[in-house]
PDB file of N, CA and C in Angstrom:
ATOM      1  N   MET A   1     176.269 130.956  22.277  1.00  0.00           N
ATOM      2  CA  MET A   1     177.563 131.696  22.638  1.00  0.00           C
ATOM      3  C   MET A   1     178.641 131.531  21.667  1.00  0.00           C
ATOM      4  N   THR A   2     179.232 132.623  21.361  1.00  0.00           N
ATOM      5  CA  THR A   2     180.267 132.646  20.358  1.00  0.00           C
ATOM      6  C   THR A   2     181.559 131.993  20.904  1.00  0.00           C
ATOM      7  N   GLY A   3     182.706 131.800  20.141  1.00  0.00           N
ATOM      8  CA  GLY A   3     184.307 131.442  20.371  1.00  0.00           C
ATOM      9  C   GLY A   3     184.722 132.076  21.679  1.00  0.00           C
ATOM     10  N   PRO A   4     184.796 133.371  21.143  1.00  0.00           N
ATOM     11  CA  PRO A   4     185.285 134.202  22.562  1.00  0.00           C
ATOM     12  C   PRO A   4     184.659 134.366  23.609  1.00  0.00           C
ATOM     13  N   ASP A   5     183.347 133.850  23.533  1.00  0.00           N
ATOM     14  CA  ASP A   5     182.407 134.300  25.064  1.00  0.00           C
ATOM     15  C   ASP A   5     182.546 132.443  25.792  1.00  0.00           C
ATOM     16  N   HIS A   6     183.025 131.327  24.497  1.00  0.00           N
ATOM     17  CA  HIS A   6     183.456 130.281  25.281  1.00  0.00           C
ATOM     18  C   HIS A   6     185.207 130.347  25.977  1.00  0.00           C
ATOM     19  N   PHE A   7     185.983 131.341  25.301  1.00  0.00           N
ATOM     20  CA  PHE A   7     187.295 131.926  26.044  1.00  0.00           C
ATOM     21  C   PHE A   7     186.962 132.528  27.002  1.00  0.00           C
ATOM     22  N   ARG A   8     186.142 133.534  27.128  1.00  0.00           N
ATOM     23  CA  ARG A   8     186.050 134.028  28.525  1.00  0.00           C
ATOM     24  C   ARG A   8     185.485 133.470  29.529  1.00  0.00           C
ATOM     25  N   GLU A   9     184.379 132.828  29.318  1.00  0.00           N
ATOM     26  CA  GLU A   9     184.208 131.750  30.041  1.00  0.00           C
ATOM     27  C   GLU A   9     184.950 130.815  30.952  1.00  0.00           C
ATOM     28  N   SER A  10     185.804 130.302  30.043  1.00  0.00           N
ATOM     29  CA  SER A  10     186.989 129.040  30.483  1.00  0.00           C
ATOM     30  C   SER A  10     187.699 130.244  31.552  1.00  0.00           C
ATOM     31  N   GLU A  11     188.081 131.075  31.494  1.00  0.00           N
ATOM     32  CA  GLU A  11     189.038 131.831  32.004  1.00  0.00           C
ATOM     33  C   GLU A  11     188.395 132.044  33.302  1.00  0.00           C
ATOM     34  N   ARG A  12     187.164 132.389  33.126  1.00  0.00           N
ATOM     35  CA  ARG A  12     186.659 132.911  34.428  1.00  0.00           C
ATOM     36  C   ARG A  12     186.391 131.222  35.476  1.00  0.00           C
ATOM     37  N   LEU A  13     185.906 130.123  35.017  1.00  0.00           N
ATOM     38  CA  LEU A  13     186.168 129.467  35.820  1.00  0.00           C
ATOM     39  C   LEU A  13     187.303 128.707  36.080  1.00  0.00           C
ATOM     40  N   ILE A  14     188.335 128.928  35.503  1.00  0.00           N
ATOM     41  CA  ILE A  14     189.620 128.552  35.734  1.00  0.00           C
ATOM     42  C   ILE A  14     190.101 129.454  37.358  1.00  0.00           C
ATOM     43  N   GLU A  15     189.520 130.702  37.050  1.00  0.00           N
ATOM     44  CA  GLU A  15     189.706 131.708  38.216  1.00  0.00           C
ATOM     45  C   GLU A  15     188.912 131.128  39.404  1.00  0.00           C
ATOM     46  N   GLN A  16     187.816 130.879  39.022  1.00  0.00           N
ATOM     47  CA  GLN A  16     186.782 130.299  40.126  1.00  0.00           C
ATOM     48  C   GLN A  16     187.276 129.332  40.689  1.00  0.00           C
ATOM     49  N   ALA A  17     188.154 128.381  39.595  1.00  0.00           N
ATOM     50  CA  ALA A  17     188.354 127.115  40.660  1.00  0.00           C
ATOM     51  C   ALA A  17     189.708 127.311  41.274  1.00  0.00           C
ATOM     52  N   HIS A  18     190.201 128.223  41.261  1.00  0.00           N
ATOM     53  CA  HIS A  18     191.805 128.705  41.956  1.00  0.00           C
ATOM     54  C   HIS A  18     191.169 129.281  43.064  1.00  0.00           C
ATOM     55  N   GLN A  19     190.052 130.279  43.287  1.00  0.00           N
ATOM     56  CA  GLN A  19     189.351 130.509  44.435  1.00  0.00           C
ATOM     57  C   GLN A  19     188.987 129.599  45.441  1.00  0.00           C
ATOM     58  N   VAL A  20     188.280 128.657  44.971  1.00  0.00           N
ATOM     59  CA  VAL A  20     187.534 127.134  45.366  1.00  0.00           C
ATOM     60  C   VAL A  20     188.715 126.861  46.010  1.00  0.00           C
ATOM     61  N   GLN A  21     190.054 126.268  45.437  1.00  0.00           N
ATOM     62  CA  GLN A  21     191.230 125.546  46.091  1.00  0.00           C
ATOM     63  C   GLN A  21     191.820 126.411  47.140  1.00  0.00           C
ATOM     64  N   ALA A  22     192.053 127.819  47.183  1.00  0.00           N
ATOM     65  CA  ALA A  22     192.270 128.786  47.812  1.00  0.00           C
ATOM     66  C   ALA A  22     191.667 129.169  49.237  1.00  0.00           C
ATOM     67  N   ASP A  23     190.560 128.895  49.073  1.00  0.00           N
ATOM     68  CA  ASP A  23     189.324 128.793  50.346  1.00  0.00           C
ATOM     69  C   ASP A  23     189.679 127.332  50.912  1.00  0.00           C
ATOM     70  N   ASN A  24     189.415 126.513  49.976  1.00  0.00           N
ATOM     71  CA  ASN A  24     189.006 125.353  50.422  1.00  0.00           C
ATOM     72  C   ASN A  24     190.056 124.072  50.230  1.00  0.00           C
ATOM     73  N   GLY A  25     191.115 124.794  49.987  1.00  0.00           N
ATOM     74  CA  GLY A  25     192.078 123.503  49.733  1.00  0.00           C
ATOM     75  C   GLY A  25     191.572 122.295  48.281  1.00  0.00           C
ATOM     76  N   PRO A  26     193.144 121.552  47.858  1.00  0.00           N
ATOM     77  CA  PRO A  26     192.580 120.904  46.527  1.00  0.00           C
ATOM     78  C   PRO A  26     191.575 120.092  46.756  1.00  0.00           C
ATOM     79  N   GLY A  27     190.951 119.975  45.563  1.00  0.00           N
ATOM     80  CA  GLY A  27     189.335 119.227  45.756  1.00  0.00           C
ATOM     81  C   GLY A  27     188.536 120.105  46.046  1.00  0.00           C
ATOM     82  N   CYS A  28     187.441 119.778  46.401  1.00  0.00           N
ATOM     83  CA  CYS A  28     186.165 120.568  47.368  1.00  0.00           C
ATOM     84  C   CYS A  28     185.719 121.132  46.176  1.00  0.00           C
ATOM     85  N   GLY A  29     185.573 120.251  44.952  1.00  0.00           N
ATOM     86  CA  GLY A  29     184.744 120.795  43.466  1.00  0.00           C
ATOM     87  C   GLY A  29     185.197 121.428  42.731  1.00  0.00           C
ATOM     88  N   SER A  30     186.742 121.688  43.040  1.00  0.00           N
ATOM     89  CA  SER A  30     187.121 122.582  41.783  1.00  0.00           C
ATOM     90  C   SER A  30     187.717 121.778  40.218  1.00  0.00           C
ATOM     91  N   GLU A  31     187.400 120.348  40.721  1.00  0.00           N
ATOM     92  CA  GLU A  31     187.577 119.338  39.997  1.00  0.00           C
ATOM     93  C   GLU A  31     186.429 119.803  38.379  1.00  0.00           C
ATOM     94  N   GLU A  32     185.346 119.527  38.872  1.00  0.00           N
ATOM     95  CA  GLU A  32     184.031 120.302  38.397  1.00  0.00           C
ATOM     96  C   GLU A  32     184.223 121.180  37.376  1.00  0.00           C
ATOM     97  N   ILE A  33     184.689 121.958  38.137  1.00  0.00           N
ATOM     98  CA  ILE A  33     184.692 123.757  37.676  1.00  0.00           C
ATOM     99  C   ILE A  33     185.862 123.305  36.416  1.00  0.00           C
ATOM    100  N   LEU A  34     186.685 123.038  36.843  1.00  0.00           N
ATOM    101  CA  LEU A  34     188.090 122.874  35.635  1.00  0.00           C
ATOM    102  C   LEU A  34     187.825 122.357  34.511  1.00  0.00           C
ATOM    103  N   THR A  35     186.556 120.741  34.613  1.00  0.00           N
ATOM    104  CA  THR A  35     186.198 119.889  33.746  1.00  0.00           C
ATOM    105  C   THR A  35     185.344 121.231  32.970  1.00  0.00           C
ATOM    106  N   GLU A  36     184.741 121.701  33.410  1.00  0.00           N
ATOM    107  CA  GLU A  36     183.431 122.553  32.670  1.00  0.00           C
ATOM    108  C   GLU A  36     184.706 123.768  31.743  1.00  0.00           C
ATOM    109  N   ALA A  37     185.470 123.988  32.522  1.00  0.00           N
ATOM    110  CA  ALA A  37     186.446 124.958  31.838  1.00  0.00           C
ATOM    111  C   ALA A  37     187.326 124.598  30.843  1.00  0.00           C
ATOM    112  N   SER A  38     187.415 123.277  30.809  1.00  0.00           N
ATOM    113  CA  SER A  38     188.008 122.817  30.071  1.00  0.00           C
ATOM    114  C   SER A  38     186.989 122.444  28.442  1.00  0.00           C
ATOM    115  N   VAL A  39     185.831 122.350  28.753  1.00  0.00           N
ATOM    116  CA  VAL A  39     184.705 122.350  27.608  1.00  0.00           C
ATOM    117  C   VAL A  39     184.899 123.157  27.338  1.00  0.00           C
ATOM    118  N   HIS A  40     184.417 124.676  27.859  1.00  0.00           N
ATOM    119  CA  HIS A  40     184.444 125.633  27.042  1.00  0.00           C
ATOM    120  C   HIS A  40     185.834 126.104  26.437  1.00  0.00           C
ATOM    121  N   ALA A  41     187.127 125.917  26.594  1.00  0.00           N
ATOM    122  CA  ALA A  41     188.242 126.212  25.954  1.00  0.00           C
ATOM    123  C   ALA A  41     188.408 125.274  24.527  1.00  0.00           C
ATOM    124  N   THR A  42     188.073 123.819  25.014  1.00  0.00           N
ATOM    125  CA  THR A  42     187.550 123.252  23.850  1.00  0.00           C
ATOM    126  C   THR A  42     186.429 123.931  22.655  1.00  0.00           C
ATOM    127  N   LEU A  43     185.736 123.978  22.912  1.00  0.00           N
ATOM    128  CA  LEU A  43     184.676 125.233  22.147  1.00  0.00           C
ATOM    129  C   LEU A  43     185.262 126.511  21.850  1.00  0.00           C
ATOM    130  N   ALA A  44     185.908 126.903  22.568  1.00  0.00           N
ATOM    131  CA  ALA A  44     186.668 128.022  21.933  1.00  0.00           C
ATOM    132  C   ALA A  44     187.656 127.665  20.717  1.00  0.00           C
ATOM    133  N   LEU A  45     188.706 126.919  21.171  1.00  0.00           N
ATOM    134  CA  LEU A  45     189.635 126.363  20.168  1.00  0.00           C
ATOM    135  C   LEU A  45     188.657 126.184  18.948  1.00  0.00           C
ATOM    136  N   ALA A  46     188.044 124.937  19.000  1.00  0.00           N
ATOM    137  CA  ALA A  46     187.120 124.848  17.221  1.00  0.00           C
ATOM    138  C   ALA A  46     186.536 125.781  16.992  1.00  0.00           C
ATOM    139  N   ALA A  47     185.986 126.577  17.720  1.00  0.00           N
ATOM    140  CA  ALA A  47     185.418 128.002  16.913  1.00  0.00           C
ATOM    141  C   ALA A  47     186.317 128.788  16.502  1.00  0.00           C
ATOM    142  N   ALA A  48     187.792 129.056  16.962  1.00  0.00           N
ATOM    143  CA  ALA A  48     188.706 129.327  16.354  1.00  0.00           C
ATOM    144  C   ALA A  48     189.726 128.917  14.884  1.00  0.00           C
ATOM    145  N   THR A  49     189.729 127.485  15.438  1.00  0.00           N
ATOM    146  CA  THR A  49     190.132 127.041  14.361  1.00  0.00           C
ATOM    147  C   THR A  49     189.219 126.913  12.966  1.00  0.00           C
ATOM    148  N   ALA A  50     187.352 127.041  12.873  1.00  0.00           N
ATOM    149  CA  ALA A  50     186.692 127.302  12.256  1.00  0.00           C
ATOM    150  C   ALA A  50     186.432 128.638  11.480  1.00  0.00           C
ATOM    151  N   TYR A  51     186.935 129.785  11.989  1.00  0.00           N
ATOM    152  CA  TYR A  51     186.775 130.955  11.671  1.00  0.00           C
ATOM    153  C   TYR A  51     187.195 131.458  10.215  1.00  0.00           C
ATOM    154  N   PRO A  52     188.888 130.790  10.116  1.00  0.00           N
ATOM    155  CA  PRO A  52     189.313 131.308   9.257  1.00  0.00           C
ATOM    156  C   PRO A  52     188.565 130.526   7.483  1.00  0.00           C
ATOM    157  N   ALA A  53     187.956 129.571   8.016  1.00  0.00           N
ATOM    158  CA  ALA A  53     187.335 129.097   6.669  1.00  0.00           C
ATOM    159  C   ALA A  53     186.136 129.573   6.371  1.00  0.00           C
ATOM    160  N   ILE A  54     185.729 129.983   7.622  1.00  0.00           N
ATOM    161  CA  ILE A  54     184.035 130.645   8.027  1.00  0.00           C
ATOM    162  C   ILE A  54     184.546 131.928   7.102  1.00  0.00           C
ATOM    163  N   ARG A  55     185.063 133.047   7.157  1.00  0.00           N
ATOM    164  CA  ARG A  55     185.893 133.925   6.708  1.00  0.00           C
ATOM    165  C   ARG A  55     185.920 133.816   4.997  1.00  0.00           C
ATOM    166  N   ASP A  56     186.940 132.898   4.598  1.00  0.00           N
ATOM    167  CA  ASP A  56     187.460 132.611   3.407  1.00  0.00           C
ATOM    168  C   ASP A  56     185.941 132.413   2.631  1.00  0.00           C
ATOM    169  N   TYR A  57     184.818 131.671   3.105  1.00  0.00           N
ATOM    170  CA  TYR A  57     183.907 131.141   2.703  1.00  0.00           C
ATOM    171  C   TYR A  57     182.711 132.475   2.164  1.00  0.00           C
ATOM    172  N   TRP A  58     182.678 133.456   3.252  1.00  0.00           N
ATOM    173  CA  TRP A  58     181.841 134.191   3.757  1.00  0.00           C
ATOM    174  C   TRP A  58     182.070 135.730   3.368  1.00  0.00           C
ATOM    175  N   GLY A  59     183.507 135.608   3.048  1.00  0.00           N
ATOM    176  CA  GLY A  59     184.522 137.001   2.945  1.00  0.00           C
ATOM    177  C   GLY A  59     184.575 137.740   4.502  1.00  0.00           C
ATOM    178  N   ASP A  60     184.961 138.593   4.244  1.00  0.00           N
ATOM    179  CA  ASP A  60     185.926 139.776   5.725  1.00  0.00           C
ATOM    180  C   ASP A  60     184.818 140.935   5.980  1.00  0.00           C
ATOM    181  N   GLU A  61     183.212 140.929   5.456  1.00  0.00           N
ATOM    182  CA  GLU A  61     182.283 142.138   5.612  1.00  0.00           C
ATOM    183  C   GLU A  61     182.594 142.571   7.204  1.00  0.00           C
ATOM    184  N   ASP A  62     182.213 141.178   7.960  1.00  0.00           N
ATOM    185  CA  ASP A  62     182.071 141.137   9.323  1.00  0.00           C
ATOM    186  C   ASP A  62     183.168 141.416  10.304  1.00  0.00           C
ATOM    187  N   THR A  63     183.738 142.486  10.327  1.00  0.00           N
ATOM    188  CA  THR A  63     184.959 142.425  11.121  1.00  0.00           C
ATOM    189  C   THR A  63     184.464 142.275  12.952  1.00  0.00           C
ATOM    190  N   VAL A  64     183.255 142.372  13.230  1.00  0.00           N
ATOM    191  CA  VAL A  64     183.096 142.172  14.578  1.00  0.00           C
ATOM    192  C   VAL A  64     183.661 141.002  14.894  1.00  0.00           C
ATOM    193  N   VAL A  65     183.645 140.141  14.315  1.00  0.00           N
ATOM    194  CA  VAL A  65     184.138 138.578  14.906  1.00  0.00           C
ATOM    195  C   VAL A  65     185.570 138.964  15.262  1.00  0.00           C
ATOM    196  N   SER A  66     186.447 139.405  14.144  1.00  0.00           N
ATOM    197  CA  SER A  66     187.694 139.279  14.412  1.00  0.00           C
ATOM    198  C   SER A  66     188.459 140.445  15.741  1.00  0.00           C
ATOM    199  N   ARG A  67     187.091 141.212  15.676  1.00  0.00           N
ATOM    200  CA  ARG A  67     187.606 142.681  16.602  1.00  0.00           C
ATOM    201  C   ARG A  67     186.870 141.858  17.914  1.00  0.00           C
ATOM    202  N   GLU A  68     186.153 140.883  18.458  1.00  0.00           N
ATOM    203  CA  GLU A  68     185.588 139.871  19.770  1.00  0.00           C
ATOM    204  C   GLU A  68     187.019 138.942  19.460  1.00  0.00           C
ATOM    205  N   TRP A  69     187.666 138.629  18.921  1.00  0.00           N
ATOM    206  CA  TRP A  69     188.669 137.278  19.057  1.00  0.00           C
ATOM    207  C   TRP A  69     189.523 138.395  19.590  1.00  0.00           C
ATOM    208  N   VAL A  70     190.266 139.343  19.326  1.00  0.00           N
ATOM    209  CA  VAL A  70     190.883 140.196  20.158  1.00  0.00           C
ATOM    210  C   VAL A  70     190.835 140.418  21.184  1.00  0.00           C
ATOM    211  N   THR A  71     189.507 141.183  21.459  1.00  0.00           N
ATOM    212  CA  THR A  71     189.290 141.394  22.429  1.00  0.00           C
ATOM    213  C   THR A  71     189.267 140.178  23.865  1.00  0.00           C
ATOM    214  N   ALA A  72     188.721 138.904  23.180  1.00  0.00           N
ATOM    215  CA  ALA A  72     188.908 138.477  23.834  1.00  0.00           C
ATOM    216  C   ALA A  72     190.259 137.240  24.765  1.00  0.00           C
ATOM    217  N   VAL A  73     190.970 137.549  23.802  1.00  0.00           N
ATOM    218  CA  VAL A  73     192.731 137.245  24.098  1.00  0.00           C
ATOM    219  C   VAL A  73     193.547 138.276  24.528  1.00  0.00           C
ATOM    220  N   ALA A  74     192.964 139.350  24.595  1.00  0.00           N
ATOM    221  CA  ALA A  74     193.871 140.262  24.910  1.00  0.00           C
ATOM    222  C   ALA A  74     194.395 140.324  26.290  1.00  0.00           C
ATOM    223  N   PRO A  75     195.408 140.648  26.890  1.00  0.00           N
ATOM    224  CA  PRO A  75     195.769 140.960  28.212  1.00  0.00           C
ATOM    225  C   PRO A  75     195.087 141.814  29.119  1.00  0.00           C
TER     226      PRO A  75
END
């Protein structure tokens, strides 16, 4: 899973937790979903933090990764 994939998965899980809370009230399993979302958000942050160093080391030949980040965080 790439950094942008982790970001998107975190957003998806947050929406899922909101839906669970809306349907069943606070609790009801949403805490576990939010914990998983937090893990994916942390992994996305780690990947985003490491990306500039990787780009500097390998060069900017692979612009697919840059475009992938832009599409992941675009509104």
